[in-house]
C-alpha atoms as a PDB file:
ATOM      1  CA  UNK A   1       1.559  27.670 -12.063  1.00  0.00           C
ATOM      2  CA  UNK A   2      -0.104  30.436  -9.946  1.00  0.00           C
ATOM      3  CA  UNK A   3      -3.606  30.735  -9.878  1.00  0.00           C
ATOM      4  CA  UNK A   4      -5.695  33.959  -8.142  1.00  0.00           C
ATOM      5  CA  UNK A   5      -1.936  34.318  -6.090  1.00  0.00           C
ATOM      6  CA  UNK A   6      -1.923  30.653  -5.249  1.00  0.00           C
ATOM      7  CA  UNK A   7       1.332  29.009  -6.283  1.00  0.00           C
ATOM      8  CA  UNK A   8      -0.673  25.668  -7.191  1.00  0.00           C
ATOM      9  CA  UNK A   9       2.636  23.394  -7.657  1.00  0.00           C
ATOM     10  CA  UNK A  10       3.770  24.590  -4.274  1.00  0.00           C
ATOM     11  CA  UNK A  11       0.552  23.356  -2.714  1.00  0.00           C
ATOM     12  CA  UNK A  12       0.783  20.242  -4.718  1.00  0.00           C
ATOM     13  CA  UNK A  13       4.062  19.427  -3.400  1.00  0.00           C
ATOM     14  CA  UNK A  14       2.846  20.106   0.256  1.00  0.00           C
ATOM     15  CA  UNK A  15       0.055  17.353  -0.496  1.00  0.00           C
ATOM     16  CA  UNK A  16       2.884  14.720  -1.173  1.00  0.00           C
ATOM     17  CA  UNK A  17       4.040  12.147   1.026  1.00  0.00           C
ATOM     18  CA  UNK A  18       7.233   9.878   0.425  1.00  0.00           C
ATOM     19  CA  UNK A  19       4.792   6.963   0.211  1.00  0.00           C
ATOM     20  CA  UNK A  20       1.494   8.649  -1.506  1.00  0.00           C
ATOM     21  CA  UNK A  21      -0.138  11.589  -3.092  1.00  0.00           C
ATOM     22  CA  UNK A  22      -3.610  13.243  -1.027  1.00  0.00           C
ATOM     23  CA  UNK A  23      -6.863  12.754  -3.287  1.00  0.00           C
ATOM     24  CA  UNK A  24      -8.430  15.580  -3.691  1.00  0.00           C
ATOM     25  CA  UNK A  25     -12.099  16.430  -4.952  1.00  0.00           C
ATOM     26  CA  UNK A  26     -13.865  13.925  -2.968  1.00  0.00           C
ATOM     27  CA  UNK A  27     -17.378  13.732  -2.502  1.00  0.00           C
ATOM     28  CA  UNK A  28     -17.951  15.775   0.586  1.00  0.00           C
ATOM     29  CA  UNK A  29     -19.515  12.932   2.765  1.00  0.00           C
ATOM     30  CA  UNK A  30     -16.161  10.784   1.464  1.00  0.00           C
ATOM     31  CA  UNK A  31     -14.337  13.056   2.571  1.00  0.00           C
ATOM     32  CA  UNK A  32     -15.885  14.132   6.004  1.00  0.00           C
ATOM     33  CA  UNK A  33     -15.822  10.274   6.883  1.00  0.00           C
ATOM     34  CA  UNK A  34     -12.052  10.526   8.053  1.00  0.00           C
ATOM     35  CA  UNK A  35     -13.458  13.043  10.478  1.00  0.00           C
ATOM     36  CA  UNK A  36     -16.214  11.508  11.898  1.00  0.00           C
ATOM     37  CA  UNK A  37     -14.003   8.180  12.304  1.00  0.00           C
ATOM     38  CA  UNK A  38     -10.331   9.700  12.761  1.00  0.00           C
ATOM     39  CA  UNK A  39      -8.658   6.370  14.516  1.00  0.00           C
ATOM     40  CA  UNK A  40      -8.357   3.428  12.212  1.00  0.00           C
ATOM     41  CA  UNK A  41      -9.887   1.021  14.958  1.00  0.00           C
ATOM     42  CA  UNK A  42     -12.974   3.262  14.643  1.00  0.00           C
ATOM     43  CA  UNK A  43     -13.059   2.064  10.562  1.00  0.00           C
ATOM     44  CA  UNK A  44     -12.837  -1.712  10.638  1.00  0.00           C
ATOM     45  CA  UNK A  45     -15.212  -3.509   8.965  1.00  0.00           C
ATOM     46  CA  UNK A  46     -14.698  -7.307   9.091  1.00  0.00           C
ATOM     47  CA  UNK A  47     -15.768 -10.648   6.865  1.00  0.00           C
ATOM     48  CA  UNK A  48     -14.440 -14.174   6.525  1.00  0.00           C
ATOM     49  CA  UNK A  49     -13.725 -15.536   3.060  1.00  0.00           C
ATOM     50  CA  UNK A  50     -14.075 -19.481   3.496  1.00  0.00           C
ATOM     51  CA  UNK A  51     -11.697 -20.274   0.154  1.00  0.00           C
ATOM     52  CA  UNK A  52     -11.625 -23.731  -1.569  1.00  0.00           C
ATOM     53  CA  UNK A  53      -8.461 -25.288   0.263  1.00  0.00           C
ATOM     54  CA  UNK A  54      -8.698 -28.722  -2.625  1.00  0.00           C
ATOM     55  CA  UNK A  55      -8.796 -26.048  -5.474  1.00  0.00           C
ATOM     56  CA  UNK A  56      -5.731 -24.644  -3.839  1.00  0.00           C
ATOM     57  CA  UNK A  57      -4.343 -27.718  -2.794  1.00  0.00           C
ATOM     58  CA  UNK A  58      -4.809 -29.226  -6.223  1.00  0.00           C
ATOM     59  CA  UNK A  59      -2.954 -26.891  -8.027  1.00  0.00           C
ATOM     60  CA  UNK A  60       0.057 -26.485  -6.072  1.00  0.00           C
ATOM     61  CA  UNK A  61       0.251 -30.294  -6.619  1.00  0.00           C
ATOM     62  CA  UNK A  62       0.005 -29.556 -10.464  1.00  0.00           C
ATOM     63  CA  UNK A  63       2.672 -27.398 -10.155  1.00  0.00           C
ATOM     64  CA  UNK A  64       5.019 -29.418  -7.964  1.00  0.00           C
ATOM     65  CA  UNK A  65       4.703 -32.124 -10.932  1.00  0.00           C
ATOM     66  CA  UNK A  66       5.923 -29.908 -13.244  1.00  0.00           C
ATOM     67  CA  UNK A  67       9.181 -28.838 -10.682  1.00  0.00           C
ATOM     68  CA  UNK A  68       7.599 -25.577  -9.734  1.00  0.00           C
ATOM     69  CA  UNK A  69       6.822 -25.095  -5.894  1.00  0.00           C
ATOM     70  CA  UNK A  70       4.195 -22.691  -4.909  1.00  0.00           C
ATOM     71  CA  UNK A  71       3.056 -21.766  -1.376  1.00  0.00           C
ATOM     72  CA  UNK A  72      -0.318 -20.957   0.236  1.00  0.00           C
ATOM     73  CA  UNK A  73       0.707 -17.584   1.427  1.00  0.00           C
ATOM     74  CA  UNK A  74       2.017 -16.741  -2.755  1.00  0.00           C
ATOM     75  CA  UNK A  75      -1.176 -18.189  -4.085  1.00  0.00           C
ATOM     76  CA  UNK A  76      -3.428 -15.319  -1.511  1.00  0.00           C
ATOM     77  CA  UNK A  77      -1.417 -12.511  -2.079  1.00  0.00           C
ATOM     78  CA  UNK A  78      -1.464 -13.083  -6.013  1.00  0.00           C
ATOM     79  CA  UNK A  79      -5.016 -13.509  -6.105  1.00  0.00           C
ATOM     80  CA  UNK A  80      -5.377 -10.243  -4.137  1.00  0.00           C
ATOM     81  CA  UNK A  81      -2.857  -8.260  -6.090  1.00  0.00           C
ATOM     82  CA  UNK A  82      -4.773  -9.414  -9.347  1.00  0.00           C
ATOM     83  CA  UNK A  83      -8.186  -8.367  -7.795  1.00  0.00           C
ATOM     84  CA  UNK A  84      -6.594  -4.962  -7.072  1.00  0.00           C
ATOM     85  CA  UNK A  85      -5.700  -4.163 -10.387  1.00  0.00           C
ATOM     86  CA  UNK A  86      -9.739  -3.528 -11.063  1.00  0.00           C
ATOM     87  CA  UNK A  87      -9.993  -2.047  -7.347  1.00  0.00           C
ATOM     88  CA  UNK A  88      -7.202   0.364  -7.006  1.00  0.00           C
ATOM     89  CA  UNK A  89      -8.942   1.969  -4.163  1.00  0.00           C
ATOM     90  CA  UNK A  90      -7.787  -1.176  -2.049  1.00  0.00           C
ATOM     91  CA  UNK A  91      -4.249   0.965  -2.032  1.00  0.00           C
ATOM     92  CA  UNK A  92      -5.521   4.051  -0.361  1.00  0.00           C
ATOM     93  CA  UNK A  93      -4.999   4.841   2.914  1.00  0.00           C
ATOM     94  CA  UNK A  94      -6.031   7.519   5.745  1.00  0.00           C
ATOM     95  CA  UNK A  95      -3.360   9.623   8.113  1.00  0.00           C
ATOM     96  CA  UNK A  96      -4.531  12.217   9.955  1.00  0.00           C
ATOM     97  CA  UNK A  97      -7.946  12.300   8.643  1.00  0.00           C
ATOM     98  CA  UNK A  98      -6.940  12.743   5.204  1.00  0.00           C
ATOM     99  CA  UNK A  99      -7.237  10.108   2.124  1.00  0.00           C
ATOM    100  CA  UNK A 100      -3.648   9.122   0.110  1.00  0.00           C
ATOM    101  CA  UNK A 101      -3.459   7.273  -2.657  1.00  0.00           C
ATOM    102  CA  UNK A 102      -0.364   4.810  -2.355  1.00  0.00           C
ATOM    103  CA  UNK A 103       2.485   5.349  -5.033  1.00  0.00           C
ATOM    104  CA  UNK A 104       3.311   1.656  -4.686  1.00  0.00           C
ATOM    105  CA  UNK A 105       1.986  -1.850  -3.866  1.00  0.00           C
ATOM    106  CA  UNK A 106       3.971  -3.914  -0.927  1.00  0.00           C
ATOM    107  CA  UNK A 107       2.424  -6.581   1.438  1.00  0.00           C
ATOM    108  CA  UNK A 108       4.124  -6.999   5.152  1.00  0.00           C
ATOM    109  CA  UNK A 109       4.284 -10.369   6.993  1.00  0.00           C
ATOM    110  CA  UNK A 110       5.735 -12.235   9.785  1.00  0.00           C
ATOM    111  CA  UNK A 111       8.022 -15.347   9.660  1.00  0.00           C
ATOM    112  CA  UNK A 112       9.001 -17.394  12.877  1.00  0.00           C
ATOM    113  CA  UNK A 113      12.980 -18.184  13.124  1.00  0.00           C
ATOM    114  CA  UNK A 114      15.031 -20.056  16.092  1.00  0.00           C
ATOM    115  CA  UNK A 115      17.160 -17.674  18.442  1.00  0.00           C
ATOM    116  CA  UNK A 116      20.618 -19.442  18.699  1.00  0.00           C
ATOM    117  CA  UNK A 117      19.206 -21.257  21.849  1.00  0.00           C
ATOM    118  CA  UNK A 118      16.508 -22.550  20.049  1.00  0.00           C
ATOM    119  CA  UNK A 119      13.367 -20.542  21.410  1.00  0.00           C
ATOM    120  CA  UNK A 120      10.971 -18.997  18.168  1.00  0.00           C
ATOM    121  CA  UNK A 121      11.593 -15.430  17.591  1.00  0.00           C
ATOM    122  CA  UNK A 122       9.522 -13.518  14.944  1.00  0.00           C
ATOM    123  CA  UNK A 123      10.405 -10.962  12.601  1.00  0.00           C
ATOM    124  CA  UNK A 124       8.493  -8.869   9.883  1.00  0.00           C
ATOM    125  CA  UNK A 125       9.353  -8.804   6.083  1.00  0.00           C
ATOM    126  CA  UNK A 126       7.762  -6.603   3.421  1.00  0.00           C
ATOM    127  CA  UNK A 127       8.087  -7.014  -0.022  1.00  0.00           C
ATOM    128  CA  UNK A 128       7.179  -4.888  -3.148  1.00  0.00           C
ATOM    129  CA  UNK A 129       5.097  -6.255  -5.919  1.00  0.00           C
ATOM    130  CA  UNK A 130       4.528  -4.913  -9.451  1.00  0.00           C
ATOM    131  CA  UNK A 131       2.432  -4.715 -12.377  1.00  0.00           C
ATOM    132  CA  UNK A 132       4.482  -7.055 -14.291  1.00  0.00           C
ATOM    133  CA  UNK A 133       4.243  -9.792 -11.609  1.00  0.00           C
ATOM    134  CA  UNK A 134       3.030 -13.094 -12.083  1.00  0.00           C
ATOM    135  CA  UNK A 135       2.087 -15.952  -9.086  1.00  0.00           C
ATOM    136  CA  UNK A 136       5.664 -17.522 -10.112  1.00  0.00           C
ATOM    137  CA  UNK A 137       7.299 -14.251  -9.388  1.00  0.00           C
ATOM    138  CA  UNK A 138       5.393 -13.404  -6.285  1.00  0.00           C
ATOM    139  CA  UNK A 139       6.069 -16.226  -4.894  1.00  0.00           C
ATOM    140  CA  UNK A 140      10.162 -16.035  -5.843  1.00  0.00           C
ATOM    141  CA  UNK A 141       9.882 -12.667  -3.490  1.00  0.00           C
ATOM    142  CA  UNK A 142       8.242 -14.168  -0.694  1.00  0.00           C
ATOM    143  CA  UNK A 143      11.003 -17.335  -0.841  1.00  0.00           C
ATOM    144  CA  UNK A 144      13.940 -14.937  -1.381  1.00  0.00           C
ATOM    145  CA  UNK A 145      12.945 -12.739   1.736  1.00  0.00           C
ATOM    146  CA  UNK A 146      12.372 -15.812   3.507  1.00  0.00           C
ATOM    147  CA  UNK A 147      15.971 -17.318   2.873  1.00  0.00           C
ATOM    148  CA  UNK A 148      17.484 -14.187   3.606  1.00  0.00           C
ATOM    149  CA  UNK A 149      15.822 -13.414   7.018  1.00  0.00           C
ATOM    150  CA  UNK A 150      15.240 -16.657   8.275  1.00  0.00           C
ATOM    151  CA  UNK A 151      18.852 -17.489   9.262  1.00  0.00           C
ATOM    152  CA  UNK A 152      19.144 -17.496  12.749  1.00  0.00           C
ATOM    153  CA  UNK A 153      21.964 -14.852  13.171  1.00  0.00           C
ATOM    154  CA  UNK A 154      20.386 -13.107  10.467  1.00  0.00           C
ATOM    155  CA  UNK A 155      18.986  -9.714  11.580  1.00  0.00           C
ATOM    156  CA  UNK A 156      17.046  -7.281   8.665  1.00  0.00           C
ATOM    157  CA  UNK A 157      17.055  -3.574   9.033  1.00  0.00           C
ATOM    158  CA  UNK A 158      13.631  -3.521  10.924  1.00  0.00           C
ATOM    159  CA  UNK A 159      15.119  -5.666  13.327  1.00  0.00           C
ATOM    160  CA  UNK A 160      18.623  -3.539  13.753  1.00  0.00           C
ATOM    161  CA  UNK A 161      16.735  -0.359  14.310  1.00  0.00           C
ATOM    162  CA  UNK A 162      14.704  -1.605  17.032  1.00  0.00           C
ATOM    163  CA  UNK A 163      17.663  -3.417  18.426  1.00  0.00           C
ATOM    164  CA  UNK A 164      19.408  -0.161  18.218  1.00  0.00           C
ATOM    165  CA  UNK A 165      16.524   1.851  19.812  1.00  0.00           C
ATOM    166  CA  UNK A 166      15.944  -0.181  22.811  1.00  0.00           C
ATOM    167  CA  UNK A 167      19.769  -0.627  23.832  1.00  0.00           C
ATOM    168  CA  UNK A 168      19.066   3.272  24.866  1.00  0.00           C
ATOM    169  CA  UNK A 169      16.765   3.796  28.232  1.00  0.00           C
ATOM    170  CA  UNK A 170      13.735   6.511  27.390  1.00  0.00           C
ATOM    171  CA  UNK A 171      14.385   6.397  23.399  1.00  0.00           C
ATOM    172  CA  UNK A 172      11.833   4.151  22.512  1.00  0.00           C
ATOM    173  CA  UNK A 173       9.297   6.107  23.232  1.00  0.00           C
ATOM    174  CA  UNK A 174      10.716   9.484  22.006  1.00  0.00           C
ATOM    175  CA  UNK A 175      11.275   7.858  18.812  1.00  0.00           C
ATOM    176  CA  UNK A 176       7.972   6.332  18.662  1.00  0.00           C
ATOM    177  CA  UNK A 177       6.472   9.719  19.406  1.00  0.00           C
ATOM    178  CA  UNK A 178       8.234  11.027  17.055  1.00  0.00           C
ATOM    179  CA  UNK A 179       7.999   9.054  14.010  1.00  0.00           C
ATOM    180  CA  UNK A 180       4.165   9.083  14.996  1.00  0.00           C
ATOM    181  CA  UNK A 181       3.690  12.751  14.417  1.00  0.00           C
ATOM    182  CA  UNK A 182       6.177  13.201  11.499  1.00  0.00           C
ATOM    183  CA  UNK A 183       4.072  10.375   9.963  1.00  0.00           C
ATOM    184  CA  UNK A 184       0.873  12.094  11.031  1.00  0.00           C
ATOM    185  CA  UNK A 185       2.101  15.578   9.041  1.00  0.00           C
ATOM    186  CA  UNK A 186       3.799  13.857   6.072  1.00  0.00           C
ATOM    187  CA  UNK A 187       7.114  14.220   7.086  1.00  0.00           C
ATOM    188  CA  UNK A 188       8.495  10.795   7.646  1.00  0.00           C
ATOM    189  CA  UNK A 189      11.401   9.961   5.859  1.00  0.00           C
ATOM    190  CA  UNK A 190      11.040   7.292   2.733  1.00  0.00           C
ATOM    191  CA  UNK A 191      13.803   5.405   4.544  1.00  0.00           C
ATOM    192  CA  UNK A 192      11.778   4.877   7.697  1.00  0.00           C
ATOM    193  CA  UNK A 193       8.867   4.005   5.934  1.00  0.00           C
ATOM    194  CA  UNK A 194      10.252   1.660   3.688  1.00  0.00           C
ATOM    195  CA  UNK A 195      11.526  -0.018   7.313  1.00  0.00           C
ATOM    196  CA  UNK A 196       8.178   0.197   8.797  1.00  0.00           C
ATOM    197  CA  UNK A 197       6.093  -3.234   8.086  1.00  0.00           C
ATOM    198  CA  UNK A 198       3.038  -0.837   9.496  1.00  0.00           C
ATOM    199  CA  UNK A 199       3.229   1.181   6.120  1.00  0.00           C
ATOM    200  CA  UNK A 200       2.219  -1.713   3.713  1.00  0.00           C
ATOM    201  CA  UNK A 201      -0.517  -1.721   1.192  1.00  0.00           C
ATOM    202  CA  UNK A 202      -1.700  -4.976   2.810  1.00  0.00           C
ATOM    203  CA  UNK A 203      -0.571  -7.104   6.410  1.00  0.00           C
ATOM    204  CA  UNK A 204      -0.965 -10.781   5.953  1.00  0.00           C
ATOM    205  CA  UNK A 205      -0.181 -13.412   8.647  1.00  0.00           C
ATOM    206  CA  UNK A 206      -0.444 -17.224   7.477  1.00  0.00           C
ATOM    207  CA  UNK A 207      -1.625 -19.231  11.219  1.00  0.00           C
ATOM    208  CA  UNK A 208      -2.407 -22.184   9.169  1.00  0.00           C
ATOM    209  CA  UNK A 209       1.289 -22.721   8.797  1.00  0.00           C
ATOM    210  CA  UNK A 210       1.357 -23.160  12.830  1.00  0.00           C
ATOM    211  CA  UNK A 211      -1.934 -24.932  13.243  1.00  0.00           C
ATOM    212  CA  UNK A 212      -4.060 -22.097  14.524  1.00  0.00           C
ATOM    213  CA  UNK A 213      -7.618 -21.246  13.312  1.00  0.00           C
ATOM    214  CA  UNK A 214      -7.743 -17.822  11.674  1.00  0.00           C
ATOM    215  CA  UNK A 215      -8.234 -14.529  13.619  1.00  0.00           C
ATOM    216  CA  UNK A 216      -9.443 -11.023  12.812  1.00  0.00           C
ATOM    217  CA  UNK A 217      -6.188  -8.924  13.280  1.00  0.00           C
ATOM    218  CA  UNK A 218      -6.383  -5.206  13.992  1.00  0.00           C
ATOM    219  CA  UNK A 219      -4.931  -2.929  11.405  1.00  0.00           C
ATOM    220  CA  UNK A 220      -2.475  -0.956  13.351  1.00  0.00           C
ATOM    221  CA  UNK A 221      -3.024   2.666  14.403  1.00  0.00           C
ATOM    222  CA  UNK A 222       0.589   3.328  13.283  1.00  0.00           C
ATOM    223  CA  UNK A 223       1.499   3.591   9.976  1.00  0.00           C
ATOM    224  CA  UNK A 224      -0.753   3.420   7.011  1.00  0.00           C
ATOM    225  CA  UNK A 225      -2.089  -0.408   6.873  1.00  0.00           C
ATOM    226  CA  UNK A 226      -5.642  -0.486   5.311  1.00  0.00           C
ATOM    227  CA  UNK A 227      -6.204  -4.227   5.345  1.00  0.00           C
ATOM    228  CA  UNK A 228      -5.104  -7.184   7.301  1.00  0.00           C
ATOM    229  CA  UNK A 229      -5.982 -10.706   5.876  1.00  0.00           C
ATOM    230  CA  UNK A 230      -5.133 -14.084   8.496  1.00  0.00           C
ATOM    231  CA  UNK A 231      -4.940 -17.598   6.927  1.00  0.00           C
ATOM    232  CA  UNK A 232      -6.395 -20.115   9.335  1.00  0.00           C
ATOM    233  CA  UNK A 233      -6.001 -23.625   9.451  1.00  0.00           C
ATOM    234  CA  UNK A 234      -8.245 -25.075   6.930  1.00  0.00           C
ATOM    235  CA  UNK A 235     -11.299 -26.789   8.269  1.00  0.00           C
ATOM    236  CA  UNK A 236     -14.226 -29.488   7.004  1.00  0.00           C
ATOM    237  CA  UNK A 237     -16.097 -27.297   3.897  1.00  0.00           C
ATOM    238  CA  UNK A 238     -19.214 -27.072   6.090  1.00  0.00           C
ATOM    239  CA  UNK A 239     -20.649 -24.400   3.427  1.00  0.00           C
ATOM    240  CA  UNK A 240     -20.929 -26.396   0.633  1.00  0.00           C
ATOM    241  CA  UNK A 241     -21.932 -29.851   3.046  1.00  0.00           C
ATOM    242  CA  UNK A 242     -19.274 -31.856   1.904  1.00  0.00           C
ATOM    243  CA  UNK A 243     -17.050 -32.238   5.270  1.00  0.00           C
ATOM    244  CA  UNK A 244     -14.776 -34.620   3.488  1.00  0.00           C
ATOM    245  CA  UNK A 245     -13.718 -31.418   1.544  1.00  0.00           C
ATOM    246  CA  UNK A 246     -11.352 -28.799   3.397  1.00  0.00           C
ATOM    247  CA  UNK A 247     -11.468 -24.974   2.782  1.00  0.00           C
ATOM    248  CA  UNK A 248      -9.557 -22.226   4.253  1.00  0.00           C
ATOM    249  CA  UNK A 249     -10.784 -19.276   6.464  1.00  0.00           C
ATOM    250  CA  UNK A 250      -9.178 -16.158   5.859  1.00  0.00           C
ATOM    251  CA  UNK A 251     -10.249 -13.331   8.498  1.00  0.00           C
ATOM    252  CA  UNK A 252      -9.940 -10.078   6.336  1.00  0.00           C
ATOM    253  CA  UNK A 253     -10.233  -6.934   8.590  1.00  0.00           C
ATOM    254  CA  UNK A 254     -10.838  -2.988   6.281  1.00  0.00           C
ATOM    255  CA  UNK A 255     -10.385   0.124   6.993  1.00  0.00           C
ATOM    256  CA  UNK A 256     -13.590   1.137   5.661  1.00  0.00           C
ATOM    257  CA  UNK A 257     -12.837   4.996   5.008  1.00  0.00           C
ATOM    258  CA  UNK A 258     -10.621   4.315   2.071  1.00  0.00           C
ATOM    259  CA  UNK A 259     -13.510   3.056  -0.476  1.00  0.00           C
ATOM    260  CA  UNK A 260     -17.274   2.372  -0.175  1.00  0.00           C
ATOM    261  CA  UNK A 261     -19.081  -0.715   0.533  1.00  0.00           C
ATOM    262  CA  UNK A 262     -19.897  -1.356  -3.275  1.00  0.00           C
ATOM    263  CA  UNK A 263     -16.102  -1.117  -3.764  1.00  0.00           C
ATOM    264  CA  UNK A 264     -15.275  -3.398  -1.516  1.00  0.00           C
ATOM    265  CA  UNK A 265     -17.975  -5.754  -2.429  1.00  0.00           C
ATOM    266  CA  UNK A 266     -16.407  -5.754  -5.917  1.00  0.00           C
ATOM    267  CA  UNK A 267     -13.248  -6.404  -4.835  1.00  0.00           C
ATOM    268  CA  UNK A 268     -14.197  -9.720  -3.008  1.00  0.00           C
ATOM    269  CA  UNK A 269     -16.308 -10.669  -5.950  1.00  0.00           C
ATOM    270  CA  UNK A 270     -12.838 -10.623  -8.115  1.00  0.00           C
ATOM    271  CA  UNK A 271     -10.658 -11.937  -5.352  1.00  0.00           C
ATOM    272  CA  UNK A 272     -13.123 -14.760  -5.446  1.00  0.00           C
ATOM    273  CA  UNK A 273     -13.297 -15.552  -9.007  1.00  0.00           C
ATOM    274  CA  UNK A 274      -9.072 -14.964  -9.114  1.00  0.00           C
ATOM    275  CA  UNK A 275      -8.947 -17.951  -6.548  1.00  0.00           C
ATOM    276  CA  UNK A 276     -11.371 -20.291  -8.573  1.00  0.00           C
ATOM    277  CA  UNK A 277      -9.289 -19.802 -11.491  1.00  0.00           C
ATOM    278  CA  UNK A 278      -5.467 -19.723 -10.362  1.00  0.00           C
ATOM    279  CA  UNK A 279      -4.159 -19.743 -14.271  1.00  0.00           C
ATOM    280  CA  UNK A 280      -5.297 -16.136 -14.698  1.00  0.00           C
ATOM    281  CA  UNK A 281      -2.319 -15.628 -12.061  1.00  0.00           C
ATOM    282  CA  UNK A 282       0.140 -17.031 -14.190  1.00  0.00           C
ATOM    283  CA  UNK A 283       0.709 -14.172 -16.924  1.00  0.00           C
ATOM    284  CA  UNK A 284       1.829 -10.674 -15.706  1.00  0.00           C
ATOM    285  CA  UNK A 285      -1.028  -8.689 -14.107  1.00  0.00           C
ATOM    286  CA  UNK A 286      -0.770  -5.284 -16.523  1.00  0.00           C
ATOM    287  CA  UNK A 287      -1.394  -7.931 -19.335  1.00  0.00           C
ATOM    288  CA  UNK A 288       2.308  -7.493 -21.163  1.00  0.00           C
ATOM    289  CA  UNK A 289       4.215 -10.375 -22.802  1.00  0.00           C
ATOM    290  CA  UNK A 290       3.742 -14.030 -20.466  1.00  0.00           C
ATOM    291  CA  UNK A 291       7.256 -14.462 -18.795  1.00  0.00           C
ATOM    292  CA  UNK A 292       9.046 -17.705 -18.928  1.00  0.00           C
ATOM    293  CA  UNK A 293       7.366 -20.266 -16.494  1.00  0.00           C
ATOM    294  CA  UNK A 294      10.236 -20.862 -13.532  1.00  0.00           C
ATOM    295  CA  UNK A 295      12.939 -23.096 -14.445  1.00  0.00           C
ATOM    296  CA  UNK A 296      12.406 -26.453 -11.784  1.00  0.00           C
ATOM    297  CA  UNK A 297      15.883 -25.463 -10.069  1.00  0.00           C
ATOM    298  CA  UNK A 298      14.936 -22.002  -9.339  1.00  0.00           C
ATOM    299  CA  UNK A 299      11.443 -22.934  -7.610  1.00  0.00           C
ATOM    300  CA  UNK A 300      10.799 -21.876  -4.156  1.00  0.00           C
ATOM    301  CA  UNK A 301      10.851 -23.916  -1.193  1.00  0.00           C
ATOM    302  CA  UNK A 302       7.354 -25.202  -0.454  1.00  0.00           C
ATOM    303  CA  UNK A 303       5.508 -23.748   2.721  1.00  0.00           C
ATOM    304  CA  UNK A 304       5.424 -25.780   5.768  1.00  0.00           C
END
C-alpha cells in the first residue's frame, strides 16, 4: 500500500524485529518514557510477593500421590503464564527506546550441574510456552530441558557458542559489541536471539533449591528481559501471624516502561489468584479442550 508517497508495507517491515513488532499509536507520555529512561536499569521497579508455600506443597503432594511429579518452578511459571494471558503487555519489551510486542513467550532459567572434577557449574536454558500449555506440559518442558543439559559432558548451543567465542583472544569484546548494536537496530538474527537467554519474556531463578534467601535480581541491559523473578527459600509466615506455616518470598524486578502501574497491579492480582487455586492451571490456557492427565511413568522428576 502506498500512502502520500510512502510504501506503508515497507515501513511496517522496517518496524519488525525477528522476535517482535514495534508498538505504534502509543499515548505521547507512554512513548516518551523510554526516552526519559533509555536504560533498563533506569526503569527498575521491585516488589516482593509472599506466596503460600503450604498450599503449593499440598498441591504437589496431591499430584505425587496420583503419580504425577510437579516442581515449584513449574507452579510459578504456569501461574505467571496464566496471568499473562489477560495481561499481554507483560510480554512487551524496550529496545533503543522503542516498545515492541514479542511474538512468542519464553522463559529463561539457570541450572546447576557438575563438571567432570566435581566442581559446580551453571548453564542457562530457555523453554517456549504456548497458549495450549498447562502446568503439566510446562513441568515436562522444564524437566526435559534439565534432563538434556544436566549431564556433565553435555553442552547446549549457548555453552558451545560461548566456549568458541572465548577461545579466540579479543573476539568476545567484538562479538558482544556487534551483537549489542545489531540488536539495538533490530538486525540481530533470530538464531542468535534463540541462543541468548537474555532475550526472554521472563527470567527466573530458584534460590530456594540451594537454600538461599531471595534477591531482587537486575534485568539485563543486553537483550529484552523485562521481568526477573527470584524464588527464595521458604520462611515462617509472619504475614498471617502463624509461624508454624511457611511462605515463599518472590523477589520480582520489572521494567516499568512496558506498562502502567495499574496494569502491573492487575497482573499481580491475577498471579496471586492463580496461586490460590492451582487447579486453574490444569486446563489449556487458551480455553481449548483439556488434554489428558500425564501418565505416572511420564511424570517429571521432582525438584531438589
